Amino acid sequence: MPLFGMTDKKIESYEAQLSLETRNFVQLSIEKIVKAKETGEKVVVILGSGPNLHEGVTTLMAELMNKGVVDGLSTSSAVISHELAGVLDKVKRVNGVKLGINKNLLPKGEFFEITQLPPQWLDVIDQEMNIDYELMQRGNQLEGDVIIKAAGNMGYPMGLRSERIAKEILGIARAYGVPFETAAGWGADPHTMIGSGARKRLPVLVSVPQLIGGGGVGLCIGDSISITERCMKMAQMLGSADVLIESAVALTQEIHDGPFETYTGHGVWGYWDGYKSYSLENKTLIRIDLDPNLKRAWDMQRQDSSVQNAINKGLPKTKLTGIPFRMEMSGFARLETSIPVVGDIGVVWPVIAWHVAERLKIELDFINHPQQTEEGQKMREWIVDEIHPFDREQMIRIGQSYQ
């Protein structure tokens, strides 16, 4: 796995793109992560969808799990769907109406996407479902752009294959009594988060708020274990960690406001009824986000306890603070040990990973670059070419030896 020309000088150039305040928070985050790993504590990452795929962050997370830096992950059903299809792929976007697709079945813009797959993978998929090669041939002959995008979902045949194979994965998951994400990981590429997690026996879980977004894959994830069991597994993973890192993720209510979290959430009554709970108190919660309102809410809480006062008085936080108040801002802003990192995850993550690896004397075999850079473009091409789609036969083989 290549580093795409990453050097200390390149890292310095990325650091220079960050504000002084953000650089200071990044340095503090690095110190917290290093201290946790040096003292035998765990680090858990909570990832959002699109940007994390396109910036190579999901691939970096697989590498950090493999090297023992990250001990668990939460993500979205959309990310799981894309990892089943190979993270990123190339598709040709054409006019679906000209291709003969019913306009009412096409998304906005009337585009239809043809996945650009090598012959060996077309052969594999053709054994699982009948591929309409004539449709693909006509589509590839139409005028259109070939682009790199998050793999699967809207592309034919890969998107349809992911939705159909998800039902088989669901059956395997239920038979072995594991979450969908675990069974999917048995057949996933080792450079995916689910693939790395399955091989290292580390938890990779979709949070309840992020079950929507992966289409039929998301439905199968939701159907694999009950909501209560999913929330408890999430709580156990989060509770086991000393450092939690949120990366470009919008829906984090389960972390700050979950049914088994007692410090900023609603887990107090679960404990009364005999359920195991956990507390965010004294945990380091790092959030990497482009939204400056998160930092504004964090500042207001530290200046005059605005957020906590609104809660104490039963007042709406949006009116009291004067900012659009996303649900996850409340718990994050009120947690004394939270760290707001306002910046591009494509720039922030390689800086954090590079310095953490250096401090822990770990040699990374992959590191991400911002997608808009020359190195980032090479990285994206590498992901397209080298990270393979889900392997059904491999899932069955590993599942049969699962204990």
Protein backbone atom coordinates (compact mmCIF):
# COMPACT_ATOMS: atom_id res chain seq x y z
CA MET A 1 0.00 0.00 0.00
CA PRO A 2 1.53 3.33 -1.01
CA LEU A 3 1.96 6.57 0.94
CA PHE A 4 1.67 8.62 -2.28
CA GLY A 5 4.75 10.69 -1.57
CA MET A 6 3.91 11.62 2.01
CA THR A 7 6.84 13.28 3.78
CA ASP A 8 7.39 15.54 6.77
CA LYS A 9 7.52 18.47 4.35
CA LYS A 10 4.19 17.50 2.83
CA ILE A 11 2.64 17.25 6.30
CA GLU A 12 3.96 20.70 7.11
CA SER A 13 2.29 22.04 3.96
CA TYR A 14 -1.03 20.54 5.08
CA GLU A 15 -0.62 21.98 8.57
CA ALA A 16 -0.01 25.41 7.01
CA GLN A 17 -3.49 25.25 5.46
CA LEU A 18 -5.08 25.13 8.92
CA SER A 19 -5.73 28.13 11.14
CA LEU A 20 -3.51 28.58 14.19
CA GLU A 21 -6.44 27.71 16.45
CA THR A 22 -7.18 24.52 14.50
CA ARG A 23 -3.49 23.54 14.53
CA ASN A 24 -3.46 23.90 18.31
CA PHE A 25 -6.56 21.71 18.65
CA VAL A 26 -5.03 19.14 16.25
CA GLN A 27 -1.89 19.02 18.39
CA LEU A 28 -3.98 18.55 21.52
CA SER A 29 -5.87 15.74 19.79
CA ILE A 30 -2.61 14.02 18.84
CA GLU A 31 -1.42 14.21 22.47
CA LYS A 32 -4.67 12.66 23.73
CA ILE A 33 -4.55 9.81 21.20
CA VAL A 34 -0.89 9.03 21.88
CA LYS A 35 -1.39 9.09 25.65
CA ALA A 36 -4.38 6.75 25.37
CA LYS A 37 -2.45 4.20 23.31
CA GLU A 38 0.67 4.43 25.49
CA THR A 39 -1.40 3.70 28.60
CA GLY A 40 -3.32 0.81 27.06
CA GLU A 41 -6.58 2.72 26.52
CA LYS A 42 -8.79 2.46 23.44
CA VAL A 43 -9.57 4.87 20.60
CA VAL A 44 -12.93 4.66 18.79
CA VAL A 45 -13.82 6.62 15.63
CA ILE A 46 -17.32 7.68 14.53
CA LEU A 47 -17.41 8.36 10.78
CA GLY A 48 -19.95 10.02 8.54
CA SER A 49 -20.49 9.13 4.90
CA GLY A 50 -19.41 10.74 1.60
CA PRO A 51 -16.45 12.97 2.49
CA ASN A 52 -14.76 10.22 4.49
CA LEU A 53 -14.87 7.92 1.44
CA HIS A 54 -13.71 10.49 -1.10
CA GLU A 55 -10.88 11.80 1.07
CA GLY A 56 -9.54 8.29 1.70
CA VAL A 57 -10.38 8.49 5.42
CA THR A 58 -12.24 5.16 5.50
CA THR A 59 -9.20 3.49 3.93
CA LEU A 60 -6.96 5.20 6.49
CA MET A 61 -9.21 3.89 9.28
CA ALA A 62 -8.77 0.33 7.99
CA GLU A 63 -5.01 0.87 8.12
CA LEU A 64 -5.14 2.35 11.64
CA MET A 65 -7.23 -0.61 12.84
CA ASN A 66 -4.74 -2.99 11.28
CA LYS A 67 -1.86 -1.22 13.04
CA GLY A 68 -3.56 -1.13 16.44
CA VAL A 69 -4.29 2.60 16.67
CA VAL A 70 -8.09 2.45 16.25
CA ASP A 71 -9.98 -0.11 18.36
CA GLY A 72 -13.52 0.27 17.04
CA LEU A 73 -15.63 2.19 14.54
CA SER A 74 -19.13 3.47 14.05
CA THR A 75 -20.25 4.55 10.60
CA SER A 76 -23.28 4.81 8.33
CA SER A 77 -25.14 2.20 6.31
CA ALA A 78 -24.14 4.17 3.21
CA VAL A 79 -20.45 3.61 3.96
CA ILE A 80 -21.06 -0.11 4.47
CA SER A 81 -22.85 -0.19 1.11
CA HIS A 82 -19.94 1.53 -0.60
CA GLU A 83 -17.38 -0.75 1.04
CA LEU A 84 -19.29 -3.78 -0.26
CA ALA A 85 -18.81 -2.37 -3.75
CA GLY A 86 -15.12 -1.49 -3.32
CA VAL A 87 -15.16 1.99 -1.68
CA LEU A 88 -14.70 4.03 -4.89
CA ASP A 89 -15.31 3.04 -8.48
CA LYS A 90 -15.53 4.49 -11.96
CA VAL A 91 -18.91 4.90 -13.62
CA LYS A 92 -20.09 6.30 -16.92
CA ARG A 93 -23.01 8.68 -16.45
CA VAL A 94 -25.41 8.76 -19.38
CA ASN A 95 -28.92 10.00 -20.13
CA GLY A 96 -31.20 7.28 -18.77
CA VAL A 97 -34.14 8.23 -20.98
CA LYS A 98 -32.00 7.79 -24.11
CA LEU A 99 -30.98 4.42 -22.69
CA GLY A 100 -34.64 3.42 -22.52
CA ILE A 101 -35.14 3.64 -18.75
CA ASN A 102 -38.54 4.85 -17.52
CA LYS A 103 -38.15 8.51 -16.58
CA ASN A 104 -40.12 7.92 -13.37
CA LEU A 105 -37.45 5.44 -12.22
CA LEU A 106 -34.54 7.81 -12.74
CA PRO A 107 -33.09 10.20 -10.16
CA LYS A 108 -32.94 13.97 -10.61
CA GLY A 109 -31.05 14.83 -13.78
CA GLU A 110 -32.22 11.58 -15.44
CA PHE A 111 -28.75 10.08 -15.16
CA PHE A 112 -28.05 6.37 -15.30
CA GLU A 113 -24.64 5.06 -14.30
CA ILE A 114 -22.76 2.12 -15.82
CA THR A 115 -20.09 0.68 -13.51
CA GLN A 116 -16.76 0.34 -15.30
CA LEU A 117 -15.77 -3.14 -14.11
CA PRO A 118 -12.88 -5.38 -15.22
CA PRO A 119 -13.95 -8.63 -16.97
CA GLN A 120 -13.09 -10.85 -13.99
CA TRP A 121 -15.54 -9.03 -11.73
CA LEU A 122 -18.25 -9.02 -14.38
CA ASP A 123 -17.82 -12.79 -14.54
CA VAL A 124 -18.16 -13.10 -10.74
CA ILE A 125 -21.30 -10.97 -10.62
CA ASP A 126 -22.78 -12.73 -13.65
CA GLN A 127 -22.65 -16.01 -11.70
CA GLU A 128 -24.68 -14.40 -8.89
CA MET A 129 -27.27 -12.61 -11.05
CA ASN A 130 -28.02 -12.24 -14.73
CA ILE A 131 -26.23 -9.14 -16.02
CA ASP A 132 -27.89 -7.27 -18.88
CA TYR A 133 -24.77 -6.93 -21.03
CA GLU A 134 -26.78 -5.41 -23.87
CA LEU A 135 -27.92 -2.59 -21.58
CA MET A 136 -24.34 -1.98 -20.46
CA GLN A 137 -23.05 -1.99 -24.03
CA ARG A 138 -25.66 0.53 -25.18
CA GLY A 139 -24.94 2.70 -22.14
CA ASN A 140 -21.20 2.69 -22.73
CA GLN A 141 -21.80 3.75 -26.34
CA LEU A 142 -23.84 6.80 -25.33
CA GLU A 143 -22.26 10.19 -24.73
CA GLY A 144 -21.38 10.71 -21.07
CA ASP A 145 -18.66 11.38 -18.51
CA VAL A 146 -16.60 8.74 -16.70
CA ILE A 147 -16.13 9.82 -13.09
CA ILE A 148 -14.81 8.41 -9.82
CA LYS A 149 -17.48 8.28 -7.13
CA ALA A 150 -18.50 6.35 -4.04
CA ALA A 151 -18.81 2.76 -5.20
CA GLY A 152 -21.99 0.88 -5.94
CA ASN A 153 -25.33 2.45 -4.98
CA MET A 154 -26.53 4.03 -8.29
CA GLY A 155 -24.27 2.18 -10.75
CA TYR A 156 -25.35 -0.86 -12.79
CA PRO A 157 -24.67 -3.68 -12.12
CA MET A 158 -22.73 -3.00 -8.90
CA GLY A 159 -25.49 -1.12 -7.09
CA LEU A 160 -28.10 -3.78 -7.82
CA ARG A 161 -25.63 -6.50 -6.90
CA SER A 162 -24.94 -4.88 -3.50
CA GLU A 163 -28.64 -4.69 -2.69
CA ARG A 164 -29.20 -8.33 -3.65
CA ILE A 165 -26.06 -9.72 -2.00
CA ALA A 166 -27.02 -7.85 1.17
CA LYS A 167 -29.98 -10.22 1.59
CA GLU A 168 -27.61 -13.20 1.51
CA ILE A 169 -25.31 -11.49 4.01
CA LEU A 170 -28.34 -10.89 6.24
CA GLY A 171 -29.14 -14.61 6.22
CA ILE A 172 -25.55 -15.50 7.18
CA ALA A 173 -25.49 -12.84 9.92
CA ARG A 174 -28.69 -14.16 11.48
CA ALA A 175 -27.49 -17.76 11.30
CA TYR A 176 -24.30 -16.95 13.18
CA GLY A 177 -25.88 -14.41 15.52
CA VAL A 178 -23.67 -11.49 14.49
CA PRO A 179 -24.40 -7.99 13.14
CA PHE A 180 -24.61 -7.61 9.36
CA GLU A 181 -21.40 -5.56 9.45
CA THR A 182 -19.43 -8.51 10.87
CA ALA A 183 -20.66 -11.06 8.32
CA ALA A 184 -20.11 -8.55 5.50
CA GLY A 185 -16.57 -8.02 6.78
CA TRP A 186 -15.78 -11.70 6.25
CA GLY A 187 -16.11 -11.20 2.53
CA ALA A 188 -14.88 -7.61 2.31
CA ASP A 189 -11.52 -6.37 1.09
CA PRO A 190 -8.97 -6.06 3.94
CA HIS A 191 -8.49 -2.37 3.06
CA THR A 192 -12.10 -1.62 4.01
CA MET A 193 -13.17 -0.87 7.57
CA ILE A 194 -15.52 -3.85 7.73
CA GLY A 195 -12.83 -6.09 6.23
CA SER A 196 -10.15 -4.95 8.64
CA GLY A 197 -12.54 -5.06 11.59
CA ALA A 198 -13.57 -8.65 10.83
CA ARG A 199 -9.97 -9.81 10.51
CA LYS A 200 -8.89 -8.06 13.72
CA ARG A 201 -12.14 -8.93 15.53
CA LEU A 202 -12.79 -5.26 16.21
CA PRO A 203 -16.32 -3.81 16.31
CA VAL A 204 -17.56 -1.91 13.26
CA LEU A 205 -21.16 -0.84 13.80
CA VAL A 206 -23.74 1.36 12.12
CA SER A 207 -25.41 3.67 14.61
CA VAL A 208 -29.20 3.76 14.72
CA PRO A 209 -29.46 7.35 13.36
CA GLN A 210 -27.26 6.35 10.41
CA LEU A 211 -29.19 3.24 9.36
CA ILE A 212 -30.88 5.26 6.61
CA GLY A 213 -28.75 6.11 3.58
CA GLY A 214 -27.59 2.72 2.39
CA GLY A 215 -30.79 1.78 0.55
CA GLY A 216 -31.57 -1.93 0.79
CA VAL A 217 -28.20 -2.54 2.44
CA GLY A 218 -29.27 -0.26 5.28
CA LEU A 219 -32.50 -2.21 5.68
CA CYS A 220 -30.55 -5.48 5.94
CA ILE A 221 -28.19 -3.94 8.50
CA GLY A 222 -31.18 -2.83 10.54
CA ASP A 223 -32.84 -6.24 10.28
CA SER A 224 -29.74 -8.22 11.34
CA ILE A 225 -30.00 -7.47 15.08
CA SER A 226 -32.58 -5.64 17.18
CA ILE A 227 -32.42 -1.91 17.82
CA THR A 228 -31.87 -2.53 21.52
CA GLU A 229 -29.01 -4.94 20.87
CA ARG A 230 -27.45 -2.52 18.39
CA CYS A 231 -27.61 0.33 20.91
CA MET A 232 -26.11 -1.86 23.64
CA LYS A 233 -23.24 -2.97 21.39
CA MET A 234 -22.63 0.68 20.50
CA ALA A 235 -22.70 1.64 24.16
CA GLN A 236 -20.21 -1.09 25.05
CA MET A 237 -17.85 0.01 22.29
CA LEU A 238 -18.09 3.70 23.19
CA GLY A 239 -17.86 3.00 26.90
CA SER A 240 -14.67 0.98 26.43
CA ALA A 241 -12.80 3.89 24.83
CA ASP A 242 -10.86 6.72 26.41
CA VAL A 243 -10.78 8.79 23.19
CA LEU A 244 -13.71 9.19 20.76
CA ILE A 245 -13.20 10.91 17.41
CA GLU A 246 -16.09 12.13 15.24
CA SER A 247 -15.21 12.69 11.59
CA ALA A 248 -17.54 14.64 9.26
CA VAL A 249 -20.62 13.04 10.77
CA ALA A 250 -23.97 14.77 11.21
CA LEU A 251 -26.05 12.23 13.12
CA THR A 252 -24.32 11.53 16.44
CA GLN A 253 -27.23 11.56 18.86
CA GLU A 254 -26.47 7.97 19.86
CA ILE A 255 -23.05 9.03 21.16
CA HIS A 256 -24.14 12.10 23.15
CA ASP A 257 -27.78 11.28 23.71
CA GLY A 258 -27.97 7.52 23.63
CA PRO A 259 -30.23 5.27 25.68
CA PHE A 260 -27.32 3.94 27.77
CA GLU A 261 -25.19 7.10 28.24
CA THR A 262 -25.66 8.89 31.57
CA TYR A 263 -23.59 12.10 31.49
CA THR A 264 -25.13 14.03 28.57
CA GLY A 265 -27.65 11.44 27.37
CA HIS A 266 -30.77 9.63 28.51
CA GLY A 267 -29.24 6.45 29.95
CA VAL A 268 -30.07 7.17 33.57
CA TRP A 269 -33.37 5.25 33.52
CA GLY A 270 -31.85 2.30 31.71
CA TYR A 271 -29.47 1.87 34.64
CA TRP A 272 -32.38 2.00 37.11
CA ASP A 273 -33.96 -0.88 35.23
CA GLY A 274 -30.82 -3.01 35.31
CA TYR A 275 -29.13 -2.21 32.00
CA LYS A 276 -25.41 -1.54 31.84
CA SER A 277 -24.70 2.14 31.20
CA TYR A 278 -21.63 4.22 30.48
CA SER A 279 -20.62 7.86 30.93
CA LEU A 280 -18.85 10.31 28.64
CA GLU A 281 -17.49 12.12 31.68
CA ASN A 282 -13.69 12.48 31.47
CA LYS A 283 -13.56 10.89 28.01
CA THR A 284 -11.86 12.90 25.27
CA LEU A 285 -14.34 13.66 22.49
CA ILE A 286 -12.69 15.08 19.36
CA ARG A 287 -14.85 16.34 16.49
CA ILE A 288 -13.43 17.10 13.04
CA ASP A 289 -16.00 19.20 11.20
CA LEU A 290 -16.21 22.09 8.73
CA ASP A 291 -19.23 23.62 10.49
CA PRO A 292 -18.09 26.75 12.43
CA ASN A 293 -21.37 26.71 14.39
CA LEU A 294 -20.10 23.72 16.33
CA LYS A 295 -17.15 25.81 17.55
CA ARG A 296 -19.48 28.74 18.30
CA ALA A 297 -21.66 26.55 20.50
CA TRP A 298 -18.52 25.19 22.19
CA ASP A 299 -17.26 28.76 22.80
CA MET A 300 -20.61 29.95 24.18
CA GLN A 301 -20.70 27.12 26.69
CA ARG A 302 -17.19 27.97 27.90
CA GLN A 303 -17.85 31.72 28.08
CA ASP A 304 -21.04 31.72 30.12
CA SER A 305 -22.48 28.17 30.15
CA SER A 306 -25.10 29.25 27.58
CA VAL A 307 -25.94 25.76 26.41
CA GLN A 308 -26.20 24.25 29.88
CA ASN A 309 -28.22 27.23 31.13
CA ALA A 310 -30.73 26.75 28.33
CA ILE A 311 -31.14 23.12 29.37
CA ASN A 312 -31.40 24.04 33.06
CA LYS A 313 -34.17 26.52 32.29
CA GLY A 314 -35.95 24.29 29.79
CA LEU A 315 -35.42 26.85 27.02
CA PRO A 316 -34.86 26.10 23.31
CA LYS A 317 -31.12 26.20 22.67
CA THR A 318 -31.49 27.63 19.17
CA LYS A 319 -33.25 30.79 20.42
CA LEU A 320 -30.92 31.29 23.37
CA THR A 321 -27.69 30.88 21.39
CA GLY A 322 -28.87 32.45 18.13
CA ILE A 323 -27.33 29.73 15.97
CA PRO A 324 -28.84 26.78 14.04
CA PHE A 325 -28.49 24.16 16.77
CA ARG A 326 -27.94 20.63 15.53
CA MET A 327 -28.80 17.97 18.07
CA GLU A 328 -25.24 16.72 18.45
CA MET A 329 -23.96 20.18 19.41
CA SER A 330 -25.57 19.96 22.84
CA GLY A 331 -23.68 17.01 24.28
CA PHE A 332 -20.45 17.96 22.52
CA ALA A 333 -20.48 21.58 23.70
CA ARG A 334 -21.34 20.64 27.29
CA LEU A 335 -18.71 17.93 27.61
CA GLU A 336 -15.76 19.57 29.38
CA THR A 337 -13.20 17.37 27.63
CA SER A 338 -14.42 17.87 24.05
CA ILE A 339 -12.08 19.25 21.37
CA PRO A 340 -13.47 21.08 18.31
CA VAL A 341 -11.30 20.74 15.21
CA VAL A 342 -12.81 22.94 12.49
CA GLY A 343 -11.16 21.93 9.25
CA ASP A 344 -11.15 19.77 6.12
CA ILE A 345 -10.94 16.08 7.10
CA GLY A 346 -8.83 15.48 3.99
CA VAL A 347 -6.18 17.78 5.49
CA VAL A 348 -6.65 17.10 9.20
CA TRP A 349 -6.59 13.30 9.17
CA PRO A 350 -3.20 12.78 7.44
CA VAL A 351 -1.67 15.28 9.88
CA ILE A 352 -3.09 13.41 12.89
CA ALA A 353 -2.24 9.95 11.52
CA TRP A 354 1.31 10.91 10.51
CA HIS A 355 2.22 12.38 13.91
CA VAL A 356 0.47 9.66 15.94
CA ALA A 357 2.29 6.95 13.97
CA GLU A 358 5.59 8.76 14.42
CA ARG A 359 5.09 9.12 18.17
CA LEU A 360 4.03 5.48 18.59
CA LYS A 361 6.81 4.26 16.27
CA ILE A 362 4.31 2.68 13.88
CA GLU A 363 5.06 2.40 10.17
CA LEU A 364 1.98 3.20 8.10
CA ASP A 365 1.53 1.47 4.76
CA PHE A 366 -1.26 3.81 3.65
CA ILE A 367 -2.09 7.42 4.36
CA ASN A 368 -4.69 9.63 2.74
CA HIS A 369 -4.28 12.97 0.95
CA PRO A 370 -6.84 15.70 0.20
CA GLN A 371 -8.72 14.60 -2.91
CA GLN A 372 -8.09 17.90 -4.73
CA THR A 373 -4.29 17.42 -4.68
CA GLU A 374 -2.22 15.49 -7.21
CA GLU A 375 -1.42 12.93 -4.51
CA GLY A 376 -5.12 12.72 -3.65
CA GLN A 377 -6.00 11.95 -7.26
CA LYS A 378 -3.42 9.16 -7.34
CA MET A 379 -4.82 7.86 -4.06
CA ARG A 380 -8.34 7.76 -5.47
CA GLU A 381 -7.18 5.91 -8.59
CA TRP A 382 -5.39 3.40 -6.34
CA ILE A 383 -8.56 2.83 -4.32
CA VAL A 384 -10.54 2.22 -7.53
CA ASP A 385 -7.97 -0.25 -8.86
CA GLU A 386 -6.87 -2.06 -5.70
CA ILE A 387 -9.79 -2.25 -3.26
CA HIS A 388 -12.04 -5.01 -4.51
CA PRO A 389 -15.77 -5.56 -4.08
CA PHE A 390 -17.29 -8.02 -1.63
CA ASP A 391 -16.36 -11.68 -2.20
CA ARG A 392 -19.33 -13.98 -1.51
CA GLU A 393 -17.31 -17.21 -1.54
CA GLN A 394 -14.83 -15.78 0.95
CA MET A 395 -17.67 -14.81 3.32
CA ILE A 396 -19.01 -18.36 3.23
CA ARG A 397 -15.57 -19.88 3.78
CA ILE A 398 -14.73 -17.66 6.76
CA GLY A 399 -18.23 -18.01 8.18
CA GLN A 400 -17.93 -21.79 8.21
CA SER A 401 -14.85 -21.52 10.43
CA TYR A 402 -16.30 -18.76 12.65
CA GLN A 403 -16.26 -19.46 16.37
